[in-house]
Amino acid sequence: MRNLTAEELKPLLDQGQVRLLDVRQAEELEIAQIEGALHIPLNELPGRLGELDPAQPIVALCHHGVRSEMAGRLLERNGFTHVAHLSGGIDAWSEAIDPTIPRY
């Protein structure tokens, strides 16, 4: 699994080359989110793998990067081959890319 920085992820999202998967809880989405991300909380991911395309590149994100790395490993164990996670999570995204996204 690849670890992507916010700076590496930005052009991939801008070009529509990856599917962004937000694995945080709903309460966290109410605070901060990246538009267009698919929301599947980590605890629901095993039962909702069918909502994802194993052939599509997926980048998981969470608050700081711990849960997204766990999500990426889960995806890999289930046959997903193009998986990455956002190092530093939405917090790093807010700091490096979009300061309008609240940090919490």
PDB file of N, CA and C in Angstrom:
ATOM      1  N   MET A   1       0.853  -1.177   0.000  1.00  0.00           N
ATOM      2  CA  MET A   1       0.000   0.000   0.000  1.00  0.00           C
ATOM      3  C   MET A   1       0.899   1.240   0.000  1.00  0.00           C
ATOM      4  N   ARG A   2       0.499   2.186  -0.789  1.00  0.00           N
ATOM      5  CA  ARG A   2       1.234   3.445  -0.892  1.00  0.00           C
ATOM      6  C   ARG A   2       0.773   4.431   0.164  1.00  0.00           C
ATOM      7  N   ASN A   3       1.701   5.191   0.688  1.00  0.00           N
ATOM      8  CA  ASN A   3       1.386   6.317   1.569  1.00  0.00           C
ATOM      9  C   ASN A   3       1.501   7.576   0.729  1.00  0.00           C
ATOM     10  N   LEU A   4       0.437   8.340   0.619  1.00  0.00           N
ATOM     11  CA  LEU A   4       0.448   9.574  -0.154  1.00  0.00           C
ATOM     12  C   LEU A   4       0.415  10.782   0.762  1.00  0.00           C
ATOM     13  N   THR A   5       1.165  11.802   0.413  1.00  0.00           N
ATOM     14  CA  THR A   5       1.047  13.069   1.111  1.00  0.00           C
ATOM     15  C   THR A   5      -0.132  13.825   0.497  1.00  0.00           C
ATOM     16  N   ALA A   6      -0.576  14.846   1.179  1.00  0.00           N
ATOM     17  CA  ALA A   6      -1.662  15.673   0.640  1.00  0.00           C
ATOM     18  C   ALA A   6      -1.251  16.278  -0.698  1.00  0.00           C
ATOM     19  N   GLU A   7       0.002  16.698  -0.805  1.00  0.00           N
ATOM     20  CA  GLU A   7       0.498  17.294  -2.047  1.00  0.00           C
ATOM     21  C   GLU A   7       0.511  16.289  -3.194  1.00  0.00           C
ATOM     22  N   GLU A   8       0.740  15.017  -2.908  1.00  0.00           N
ATOM     23  CA  GLU A   8       0.716  13.977  -3.944  1.00  0.00           C
ATOM     24  C   GLU A   8      -0.717  13.624  -4.337  1.00  0.00           C
ATOM     25  N   LEU A   9      -1.617  13.667  -3.364  1.00  0.00           N
ATOM     26  CA  LEU A   9      -3.011  13.307  -3.617  1.00  0.00           C
ATOM     27  C   LEU A   9      -3.743  14.360  -4.439  1.00  0.00           C
ATOM     28  N   LYS A  10      -3.470  15.621  -4.201  1.00  0.00           N
ATOM     29  CA  LYS A  10      -4.212  16.711  -4.841  1.00  0.00           C
ATOM     30  C   LYS A  10      -4.309  16.557  -6.356  1.00  0.00           C
ATOM     31  N   PRO A  11      -3.208  16.396  -7.107  1.00  0.00           N
ATOM     32  CA  PRO A  11      -3.346  16.273  -8.562  1.00  0.00           C
ATOM     33  C   PRO A  11      -4.090  15.008  -8.993  1.00  0.00           C
ATOM     34  N   LEU A  12      -3.974  13.938  -8.223  1.00  0.00           N
ATOM     35  CA  LEU A  12      -4.697  12.709  -8.557  1.00  0.00           C
ATOM     36  C   LEU A  12      -6.205  12.936  -8.455  1.00  0.00           C
ATOM     37  N   LEU A  13      -6.628  13.656  -7.421  1.00  0.00           N
ATOM     38  CA  LEU A  13      -8.046  13.988  -7.272  1.00  0.00           C
ATOM     39  C   LEU A  13      -8.495  14.959  -8.356  1.00  0.00           C
ATOM     40  N   ASP A  14      -7.680  15.957  -8.624  1.00  0.00           N
ATOM     41  CA  ASP A  14      -8.030  16.951  -9.635  1.00  0.00           C
ATOM     42  C   ASP A  14      -8.219  16.312 -11.010  1.00  0.00           C
ATOM     43  N   GLN A  15      -7.453  15.272 -11.289  1.00  0.00           N
ATOM     44  CA  GLN A  15      -7.524  14.592 -12.584  1.00  0.00           C
ATOM     45  C   GLN A  15      -8.502  13.415 -12.579  1.00  0.00           C
ATOM     46  N   GLY A  16      -9.176  13.192 -11.440  1.00  0.00           N
ATOM     47  CA  GLY A  16     -10.143  12.098 -11.356  1.00  0.00           C
ATOM     48  C   GLY A  16      -9.523  10.722 -11.463  1.00  0.00           C
ATOM     49  N   GLN A  17      -8.275  10.582 -11.015  1.00  0.00           N
ATOM     50  CA  GLN A  17      -7.565   9.312 -11.160  1.00  0.00           C
ATOM     51  C   GLN A  17      -7.765   8.349 -10.002  1.00  0.00           C
ATOM     52  N   VAL A  18      -8.355   8.806  -8.900  1.00  0.00           N
ATOM     53  CA  VAL A  18      -8.544   7.941  -7.731  1.00  0.00           C
ATOM     54  C   VAL A  18      -9.927   8.150  -7.125  1.00  0.00           C
ATOM     55  N   ARG A  19     -10.367   7.132  -6.403  1.00  0.00           N
ATOM     56  CA  ARG A  19     -11.600   7.206  -5.622  1.00  0.00           C
ATOM     57  C   ARG A  19     -11.193   7.470  -4.190  1.00  0.00           C
ATOM     58  N   LEU A  20     -11.675   8.555  -3.613  1.00  0.00           N
ATOM     59  CA  LEU A  20     -11.346   8.909  -2.244  1.00  0.00           C
ATOM     60  C   LEU A  20     -12.349   8.261  -1.304  1.00  0.00           C
ATOM     61  N   LEU A  21     -11.852   7.506  -0.340  1.00  0.00           N
ATOM     62  CA  LEU A  21     -12.684   6.776   0.612  1.00  0.00           C
ATOM     63  C   LEU A  21     -12.430   7.327   2.006  1.00  0.00           C
ATOM     64  N   ASP A  22     -13.432   7.951   2.583  1.00  0.00           N
ATOM     65  CA  ASP A  22     -13.332   8.526   3.924  1.00  0.00           C
ATOM     66  C   ASP A  22     -13.858   7.507   4.926  1.00  0.00           C
ATOM     67  N   VAL A  23     -12.991   7.042   5.824  1.00  0.00           N
ATOM     68  CA  VAL A  23     -13.374   5.984   6.764  1.00  0.00           C
ATOM     69  C   VAL A  23     -13.650   6.503   8.171  1.00  0.00           C
ATOM     70  N   ARG A  24     -13.808   7.819   8.312  1.00  0.00           N
ATOM     71  CA  ARG A  24     -14.112   8.405   9.619  1.00  0.00           C
ATOM     72  C   ARG A  24     -15.585   8.207   9.976  1.00  0.00           C
ATOM     73  N   GLN A  25     -15.931   8.525  11.200  1.00  0.00           N
ATOM     74  CA  GLN A  25     -17.304   8.432  11.665  1.00  0.00           C
ATOM     75  C   GLN A  25     -18.127   9.626  11.154  1.00  0.00           C
ATOM     76  N   ALA A  26     -19.442   9.462  11.123  1.00  0.00           N
ATOM     77  CA  ALA A  26     -20.335  10.508  10.613  1.00  0.00           C
ATOM     78  C   ALA A  26     -20.161  11.826  11.365  1.00  0.00           C
ATOM     79  N   GLU A  27     -19.932  11.756  12.670  1.00  0.00           N
ATOM     80  CA  GLU A  27     -19.767  12.978  13.458  1.00  0.00           C
ATOM     81  C   GLU A  27     -18.546  13.772  12.984  1.00  0.00           C
ATOM     82  N   GLU A  28     -17.520  13.059  12.543  1.00  0.00           N
ATOM     83  CA  GLU A  28     -16.311  13.732  12.062  1.00  0.00           C
ATOM     84  C   GLU A  28     -16.557  14.410  10.715  1.00  0.00           C
ATOM     85  N   LEU A  29     -17.393  13.797   9.881  1.00  0.00           N
ATOM     86  CA  LEU A  29     -17.734  14.399   8.590  1.00  0.00           C
ATOM     87  C   LEU A  29     -18.458  15.718   8.775  1.00  0.00           C
ATOM     88  N   GLU A  30     -19.231  15.817   9.846  1.00  0.00           N
ATOM     89  CA  GLU A  30     -19.946  17.062  10.112  1.00  0.00           C
ATOM     90  C   GLU A  30     -18.977  18.200  10.426  1.00  0.00           C
ATOM     91  N   ILE A  31     -17.802  17.874  10.908  1.00  0.00           N
ATOM     92  CA  ILE A  31     -16.797  18.881  11.250  1.00  0.00           C
ATOM     93  C   ILE A  31     -15.984  19.278  10.019  1.00  0.00           C
ATOM     94  N   ALA A  32     -15.527  18.266   9.274  1.00  0.00           N
ATOM     95  CA  ALA A  32     -14.618  18.519   8.157  1.00  0.00           C
ATOM     96  C   ALA A  32     -14.725  17.388   7.147  1.00  0.00           C
ATOM     97  N   GLN A  33     -14.715  17.750   5.853  1.00  0.00           N
ATOM     98  CA  GLN A  33     -14.728  16.725   4.826  1.00  0.00           C
ATOM     99  C   GLN A  33     -14.154  17.249   3.521  1.00  0.00           C
ATOM    100  N   ILE A  34     -13.724  16.317   2.690  1.00  0.00           N
ATOM    101  CA  ILE A  34     -13.251  16.644   1.351  1.00  0.00           C
ATOM    102  C   ILE A  34     -14.381  16.283   0.399  1.00  0.00           C
ATOM    103  N   GLU A  35     -14.832  17.267  -0.340  1.00  0.00           N
ATOM    104  CA  GLU A  35     -15.965  17.078  -1.243  1.00  0.00           C
ATOM    105  C   GLU A  35     -15.693  15.949  -2.238  1.00  0.00           C
ATOM    106  N   GLY A  36     -16.705  15.115  -2.435  1.00  0.00           N
ATOM    107  CA  GLY A  36     -16.612  14.023  -3.397  1.00  0.00           C
ATOM    108  C   GLY A  36     -16.148  12.704  -2.820  1.00  0.00           C
ATOM    109  N   ALA A  37     -15.705  12.689  -1.583  1.00  0.00           N
ATOM    110  CA  ALA A  37     -15.244  11.442  -0.976  1.00  0.00           C
ATOM    111  C   ALA A  37     -16.430  10.528  -0.671  1.00  0.00           C
ATOM    112  N   LEU A  38     -16.226   9.247  -0.875  1.00  0.00           N
ATOM    113  CA  LEU A  38     -17.217   8.240  -0.493  1.00  0.00           C
ATOM    114  C   LEU A  38     -17.021   7.959   0.986  1.00  0.00           C
ATOM    115  N   HIS A  39     -18.106   8.032   1.753  1.00  0.00           N
ATOM    116  CA  HIS A  39     -18.017   7.812   3.196  1.00  0.00           C
ATOM    117  C   HIS A  39     -18.459   6.405   3.549  1.00  0.00           C
ATOM    118  N   ILE A  40     -17.519   5.611   4.048  1.00  0.00           N
ATOM    119  CA  ILE A  40     -17.809   4.297   4.630  1.00  0.00           C
ATOM    120  C   ILE A  40     -16.970   4.206   5.894  1.00  0.00           C
ATOM    121  N   PRO A  41     -17.592   4.316   7.073  1.00  0.00           N
ATOM    122  CA  PRO A  41     -16.814   4.225   8.315  1.00  0.00           C
ATOM    123  C   PRO A  41     -16.032   2.913   8.382  1.00  0.00           C
ATOM    124  N   LEU A  42     -14.859   2.959   8.966  1.00  0.00           N
ATOM    125  CA  LEU A  42     -13.991   1.788   9.037  1.00  0.00           C
ATOM    126  C   LEU A  42     -14.718   0.572   9.592  1.00  0.00           C
ATOM    127  N   ASN A  43     -15.519   0.763  10.636  1.00  0.00           N
ATOM    128  CA  ASN A  43     -16.207  -0.383  11.244  1.00  0.00           C
ATOM    129  C   ASN A  43     -17.257  -0.992  10.321  1.00  0.00           C
ATOM    130  N   GLU A  44     -17.700  -0.272   9.302  1.00  0.00           N
ATOM    131  CA  GLU A  44     -18.679  -0.789   8.336  1.00  0.00           C
ATOM    132  C   GLU A  44     -18.026  -1.329   7.069  1.00  0.00           C
ATOM    133  N   LEU A  45     -16.757  -1.029   6.870  1.00  0.00           N
ATOM    134  CA  LEU A  45     -16.089  -1.360   5.611  1.00  0.00           C
ATOM    135  C   LEU A  45     -16.133  -2.847   5.251  1.00  0.00           C
ATOM    136  N   PRO A  46     -15.882  -3.779   6.183  1.00  0.00           N
ATOM    137  CA  PRO A  46     -15.915  -5.192   5.784  1.00  0.00           C
ATOM    138  C   PRO A  46     -17.238  -5.611   5.143  1.00  0.00           C
ATOM    139  N   GLY A  47     -18.344  -5.079   5.613  1.00  0.00           N
ATOM    140  CA  GLY A  47     -19.651  -5.436   5.074  1.00  0.00           C
ATOM    141  C   GLY A  47     -20.066  -4.635   3.858  1.00  0.00           C
ATOM    142  N   ARG A  48     -19.271  -3.636   3.497  1.00  0.00           N
ATOM    143  CA  ARG A  48     -19.649  -2.763   2.377  1.00  0.00           C
ATOM    144  C   ARG A  48     -18.616  -2.748   1.252  1.00  0.00           C
ATOM    145  N   LEU A  49     -17.752  -3.754   1.223  1.00  0.00           N
ATOM    146  CA  LEU A  49     -16.733  -3.825   0.184  1.00  0.00           C
ATOM    147  C   LEU A  49     -17.336  -3.845  -1.221  1.00  0.00           C
ATOM    148  N   GLY A  50     -18.537  -4.372  -1.349  1.00  0.00           N
ATOM    149  CA  GLY A  50     -19.206  -4.447  -2.646  1.00  0.00           C
ATOM    150  C   GLY A  50     -19.519  -3.088  -3.254  1.00  0.00           C
ATOM    151  N   GLU A  51     -19.453  -2.027  -2.462  1.00  0.00           N
ATOM    152  CA  GLU A  51     -19.697  -0.682  -2.969  1.00  0.00           C
ATOM    153  C   GLU A  51     -18.476  -0.092  -3.667  1.00  0.00           C
ATOM    154  N   LEU A  52     -17.356  -0.814  -3.593  1.00  0.00           N
ATOM    155  CA  LEU A  52     -16.106  -0.335  -4.175  1.00  0.00           C
ATOM    156  C   LEU A  52     -15.703  -1.207  -5.354  1.00  0.00           C
ATOM    157  N   ASP A  53     -15.026  -0.605  -6.311  1.00  0.00           N
ATOM    158  CA  ASP A  53     -14.539  -1.312  -7.488  1.00  0.00           C
ATOM    159  C   ASP A  53     -13.088  -1.721  -7.237  1.00  0.00           C
ATOM    160  N   PRO A  54     -12.795  -3.035  -7.165  1.00  0.00           N
ATOM    161  CA  PRO A  54     -11.434  -3.485  -6.884  1.00  0.00           C
ATOM    162  C   PRO A  54     -10.415  -3.050  -7.952  1.00  0.00           C
ATOM    163  N   ALA A  55     -10.887  -2.729  -9.149  1.00  0.00           N
ATOM    164  CA  ALA A  55      -9.983  -2.326 -10.229  1.00  0.00           C
ATOM    165  C   ALA A  55      -9.663  -0.826 -10.190  1.00  0.00           C
ATOM    166  N   GLN A  56     -10.433  -0.063  -9.427  1.00  0.00           N
ATOM    167  CA  GLN A  56     -10.245   1.382  -9.375  1.00  0.00           C
ATOM    168  C   GLN A  56      -9.229   1.751  -8.294  1.00  0.00           C
ATOM    169  N   PRO A  57      -8.299   2.662  -8.581  1.00  0.00           N
ATOM    170  CA  PRO A  57      -7.392   3.130  -7.531  1.00  0.00           C
ATOM    171  C   PRO A  57      -8.182   3.826  -6.415  1.00  0.00           C
ATOM    172  N   ILE A  58      -7.899   3.426  -5.183  1.00  0.00           N
ATOM    173  CA  ILE A  58      -8.607   3.958  -4.014  1.00  0.00           C
ATOM    174  C   ILE A  58      -7.595   4.555  -3.055  1.00  0.00           C
ATOM    175  N   VAL A  59      -7.934   5.735  -2.535  1.00  0.00           N
ATOM    176  CA  VAL A  59      -7.124   6.359  -1.482  1.00  0.00           C
ATOM    177  C   VAL A  59      -8.030   6.542  -0.269  1.00  0.00           C
ATOM    178  N   ALA A  60      -7.652   5.914   0.831  1.00  0.00           N
ATOM    179  CA  ALA A  60      -8.418   6.024   2.071  1.00  0.00           C
ATOM    180  C   ALA A  60      -7.905   7.205   2.887  1.00  0.00           C
ATOM    181  N   LEU A  61      -8.831   7.833   3.616  1.00  0.00           N
ATOM    182  CA  LEU A  61      -8.435   8.923   4.502  1.00  0.00           C
ATOM    183  C   LEU A  61      -9.222   8.848   5.794  1.00  0.00           C
ATOM    184  N   CYS A  62      -8.600   9.375   6.845  1.00  0.00           N
ATOM    185  CA  CYS A  62      -9.260   9.486   8.144  1.00  0.00           C
ATOM    186  C   CYS A  62      -8.790  10.799   8.776  1.00  0.00           C
ATOM    187  N   HIS A  63      -8.744  10.866  10.074  1.00  0.00           N
ATOM    188  CA  HIS A  63      -8.340  12.103  10.743  1.00  0.00           C
ATOM    189  C   HIS A  63      -6.833  12.339  10.655  1.00  0.00           C
ATOM    190  N   HIS A  64      -6.037  11.345  11.079  1.00  0.00           N
ATOM    191  CA  HIS A  64      -4.583  11.511  11.073  1.00  0.00           C
ATOM    192  C   HIS A  64      -3.841  10.435  10.287  1.00  0.00           C
ATOM    193  N   GLY A  65      -4.519   9.404   9.817  1.00  0.00           N
ATOM    194  CA  GLY A  65      -3.871   8.396   8.991  1.00  0.00           C
ATOM    195  C   GLY A  65      -3.842   6.989   9.549  1.00  0.00           C
ATOM    196  N   VAL A  66      -4.216   6.804  10.797  1.00  0.00           N
ATOM    197  CA  VAL A  66      -4.161   5.465  11.405  1.00  0.00           C
ATOM    198  C   VAL A  66      -5.274   4.572  10.864  1.00  0.00           C
ATOM    199  N   ARG A  67      -6.507   5.043  10.927  1.00  0.00           N
ATOM    200  CA  ARG A  67      -7.639   4.235  10.442  1.00  0.00           C
ATOM    201  C   ARG A  67      -7.577   4.026   8.939  1.00  0.00           C
ATOM    202  N   SER A  68      -7.107   5.030   8.204  1.00  0.00           N
ATOM    203  CA  SER A  68      -7.033   4.874   6.750  1.00  0.00           C
ATOM    204  C   SER A  68      -5.998   3.817   6.371  1.00  0.00           C
ATOM    205  N   GLU A  69      -4.926   3.725   7.126  1.00  0.00           N
ATOM    206  CA  GLU A  69      -3.947   2.667   6.856  1.00  0.00           C
ATOM    207  C   GLU A  69      -4.565   1.299   7.147  1.00  0.00           C
ATOM    208  N   MET A  70      -5.324   1.196   8.215  1.00  0.00           N
ATOM    209  CA  MET A  70      -6.019  -0.061   8.525  1.00  0.00           C
ATOM    210  C   MET A  70      -7.012  -0.403   7.409  1.00  0.00           C
ATOM    211  N   ALA A  71      -7.721   0.596   6.910  1.00  0.00           N
ATOM    212  CA  ALA A  71      -8.682   0.378   5.819  1.00  0.00           C
ATOM    213  C   ALA A  71      -7.961  -0.105   4.572  1.00  0.00           C
ATOM    214  N   GLY A  72      -6.832   0.494   4.264  1.00  0.00           N
ATOM    215  CA  GLY A  72      -6.061   0.081   3.094  1.00  0.00           C
ATOM    216  C   GLY A  72      -5.612  -1.363   3.191  1.00  0.00           C
ATOM    217  N   ARG A  73      -5.169  -1.761   4.353  1.00  0.00           N
ATOM    218  CA  ARG A  73      -4.735  -3.155   4.547  1.00  0.00           C
ATOM    219  C   ARG A  73      -5.926  -4.120   4.413  1.00  0.00           C
ATOM    220  N   LEU A  74      -7.071  -3.705   4.925  1.00  0.00           N
ATOM    221  CA  LEU A  74      -8.282  -4.513   4.772  1.00  0.00           C
ATOM    222  C   LEU A  74      -8.627  -4.668   3.294  1.00  0.00           C
ATOM    223  N   LEU A  75      -8.557  -3.583   2.563  1.00  0.00           N
ATOM    224  CA  LEU A  75      -8.850  -3.642   1.124  1.00  0.00           C
ATOM    225  C   LEU A  75      -7.875  -4.575   0.410  1.00  0.00           C
ATOM    226  N   GLU A  76      -6.606  -4.454   0.727  1.00  0.00           N
ATOM    227  CA  GLU A  76      -5.604  -5.322   0.093  1.00  0.00           C
ATOM    228  C   GLU A  76      -5.874  -6.796   0.391  1.00  0.00           C
ATOM    229  N   ARG A  77      -6.238  -7.102   1.615  1.00  0.00           N
ATOM    230  CA  ARG A  77      -6.541  -8.495   1.983  1.00  0.00           C
ATOM    231  C   ARG A  77      -7.758  -9.026   1.235  1.00  0.00           C
ATOM    232  N   ASN A  78      -8.560  -8.120   0.704  1.00  0.00           N
ATOM    233  CA  ASN A  78      -9.774  -8.527  -0.001  1.00  0.00           C
ATOM    234  C   ASN A  78      -9.662  -8.336  -1.511  1.00  0.00           C
ATOM    235  N   GLY A  79      -8.446  -8.320  -2.025  1.00  0.00           N
ATOM    236  CA  GLY A  79      -8.235  -8.339  -3.465  1.00  0.00           C
ATOM    237  C   GLY A  79      -8.104  -6.991  -4.157  1.00  0.00           C
ATOM    238  N   PHE A  80      -8.142  -5.911  -3.411  1.00  0.00           N
ATOM    239  CA  PHE A  80      -7.949  -4.590  -4.012  1.00  0.00           C
ATOM    240  C   PHE A  80      -6.445  -4.390  -4.195  1.00  0.00           C
ATOM    241  N   THR A  81      -6.046  -4.033  -5.408  1.00  0.00           N
ATOM    242  CA  THR A  81      -4.611  -3.968  -5.704  1.00  0.00           C
ATOM    243  C   THR A  81      -4.064  -2.552  -5.827  1.00  0.00           C
ATOM    244  N   HIS A  82      -4.911  -1.573  -6.069  1.00  0.00           N
ATOM    245  CA  HIS A  82      -4.462  -0.186  -6.229  1.00  0.00           C
ATOM    246  C   HIS A  82      -4.952   0.631  -5.034  1.00  0.00           C
ATOM    247  N   VAL A  83      -4.252   0.478  -3.916  1.00  0.00           N
ATOM    248  CA  VAL A  83      -4.693   1.078  -2.661  1.00  0.00           C
ATOM    249  C   VAL A  83      -3.593   1.982  -2.096  1.00  0.00           C
ATOM    250  N   ALA A  84      -4.029   3.125  -1.597  1.00  0.00           N
ATOM    251  CA  ALA A  84      -3.124   4.045  -0.904  1.00  0.00           C
ATOM    252  C   ALA A  84      -3.893   4.655   0.258  1.00  0.00           C
ATOM    253  N   HIS A  85      -3.168   5.356   1.111  1.00  0.00           N
ATOM    254  CA  HIS A  85      -3.846   6.107   2.163  1.00  0.00           C
ATOM    255  C   HIS A  85      -3.170   7.447   2.311  1.00  0.00           C
ATOM    256  N   LEU A  86      -3.945   8.426   2.788  1.00  0.00           N
ATOM    257  CA  LEU A  86      -3.462   9.789   2.956  1.00  0.00           C
ATOM    258  C   LEU A  86      -2.716   9.909   4.279  1.00  0.00           C
ATOM    259  N   SER A  87      -1.411  10.032   4.204  1.00  0.00           N
ATOM    260  CA  SER A  87      -0.594  10.217   5.411  1.00  0.00           C
ATOM    261  C   SER A  87      -0.982  11.524   6.084  1.00  0.00           C
ATOM    262  N   GLY A  88      -1.247  11.448   7.367  1.00  0.00           N
ATOM    263  CA  GLY A  88      -1.632  12.644   8.114  1.00  0.00           C
ATOM    264  C   GLY A  88      -3.106  12.970   8.023  1.00  0.00           C
ATOM    265  N   GLY A  89      -3.839  12.226   7.192  1.00  0.00           N
ATOM    266  CA  GLY A  89      -5.289  12.358   7.109  1.00  0.00           C
ATOM    267  C   GLY A  89      -5.790  13.725   6.696  1.00  0.00           C
ATOM    268  N   ILE A  90      -7.056  13.971   7.029  1.00  0.00           N
ATOM    269  CA  ILE A  90      -7.685  15.242   6.663  1.00  0.00           C
ATOM    270  C   ILE A  90      -7.005  16.412   7.364  1.00  0.00           C
ATOM    271  N   ASP A  91      -6.355  16.137   8.484  1.00  0.00           N
ATOM    272  CA  ASP A  91      -5.626  17.179   9.183  1.00  0.00           C
ATOM    273  C   ASP A  91      -4.479  17.701   8.304  1.00  0.00           C
ATOM    274  N   ALA A  92      -3.741  16.797   7.677  1.00  0.00           N
ATOM    275  CA  ALA A  92      -2.653  17.191   6.776  1.00  0.00           C
ATOM    276  C   ALA A  92      -3.198  17.889   5.539  1.00  0.00           C
ATOM    277  N   TRP A  93      -4.355  17.424   5.045  1.00  0.00           N
ATOM    278  CA  TRP A  93      -4.984  18.050   3.882  1.00  0.00           C
ATOM    279  C   TRP A  93      -5.339  19.506   4.197  1.00  0.00           C
ATOM    280  N   SER A  94      -5.929  19.720   5.347  1.00  0.00           N
ATOM    281  CA  SER A  94      -6.306  21.067   5.760  1.00  0.00           C
ATOM    282  C   SER A  94      -5.079  21.963   5.895  1.00  0.00           C
ATOM    283  N   GLU A  95      -4.028  21.419   6.454  1.00  0.00           N
ATOM    284  CA  GLU A  95      -2.812  22.201   6.668  1.00  0.00           C
ATOM    285  C   GLU A  95      -2.093  22.527   5.355  1.00  0.00           C
ATOM    286  N   ALA A  96      -2.025  21.563   4.437  1.00  0.00           N
ATOM    287  CA  ALA A  96      -1.212  21.746   3.229  1.00  0.00           C
ATOM    288  C   ALA A  96      -1.996  22.216   1.996  1.00  0.00           C
ATOM    289  N   ILE A  97      -3.275  21.827   1.899  1.00  0.00           N
ATOM    290  CA  ILE A  97      -4.014  22.050   0.654  1.00  0.00           C
ATOM    291  C   ILE A  97      -5.172  23.026   0.820  1.00  0.00           C
ATOM    292  N   ASP A  98      -6.025  22.791   1.807  1.00  0.00           N
ATOM    293  CA  ASP A  98      -7.238  23.586   1.930  1.00  0.00           C
ATOM    294  C   ASP A  98      -7.459  24.048   3.364  1.00  0.00           C
ATOM    295  N   PRO A  99      -6.927  25.222   3.705  1.00  0.00           N
ATOM    296  CA  PRO A  99      -7.065  25.710   5.083  1.00  0.00           C
ATOM    297  C   PRO A  99      -8.486  26.084   5.478  1.00  0.00           C
ATOM    298  N   THR A 100      -9.432  26.065   4.537  1.00  0.00           N
ATOM    299  CA  THR A 100     -10.827  26.331   4.895  1.00  0.00           C
ATOM    300  C   THR A 100     -11.466  25.119   5.576  1.00  0.00           C
ATOM    301  N   ILE A 101     -10.838  23.956   5.462  1.00  0.00           N
ATOM    302  CA  ILE A 101     -11.342  22.767   6.140  1.00  0.00           C
ATOM    303  C   ILE A 101     -10.906  22.836   7.592  1.00  0.00           C
ATOM    304  N   PRO A 102     -11.877  22.820   8.514  1.00  0.00           N
ATOM    305  CA  PRO A 102     -11.522  22.941   9.940  1.00  0.00           C
ATOM    306  C   PRO A 102     -10.631  21.796  10.412  1.00  0.00           C
ATOM    307  N   ARG A 103      -9.709  22.137  11.286  1.00  0.00           N
ATOM    308  CA  ARG A 103      -8.874  21.117  11.945  1.00  0.00           C
ATOM    309  C   ARG A 103      -9.490  20.848  13.309  1.00  0.00           C
ATOM    310  N   TYR A 104      -9.461  19.595  13.694  1.00  0.00           N
ATOM    311  CA  TYR A 104     -10.038  19.217  14.991  1.00  0.00           C
ATOM    312  C   TYR A 104      -9.175  18.202  15.700  1.00  0.00           C
TER     313      TYR A 104
END
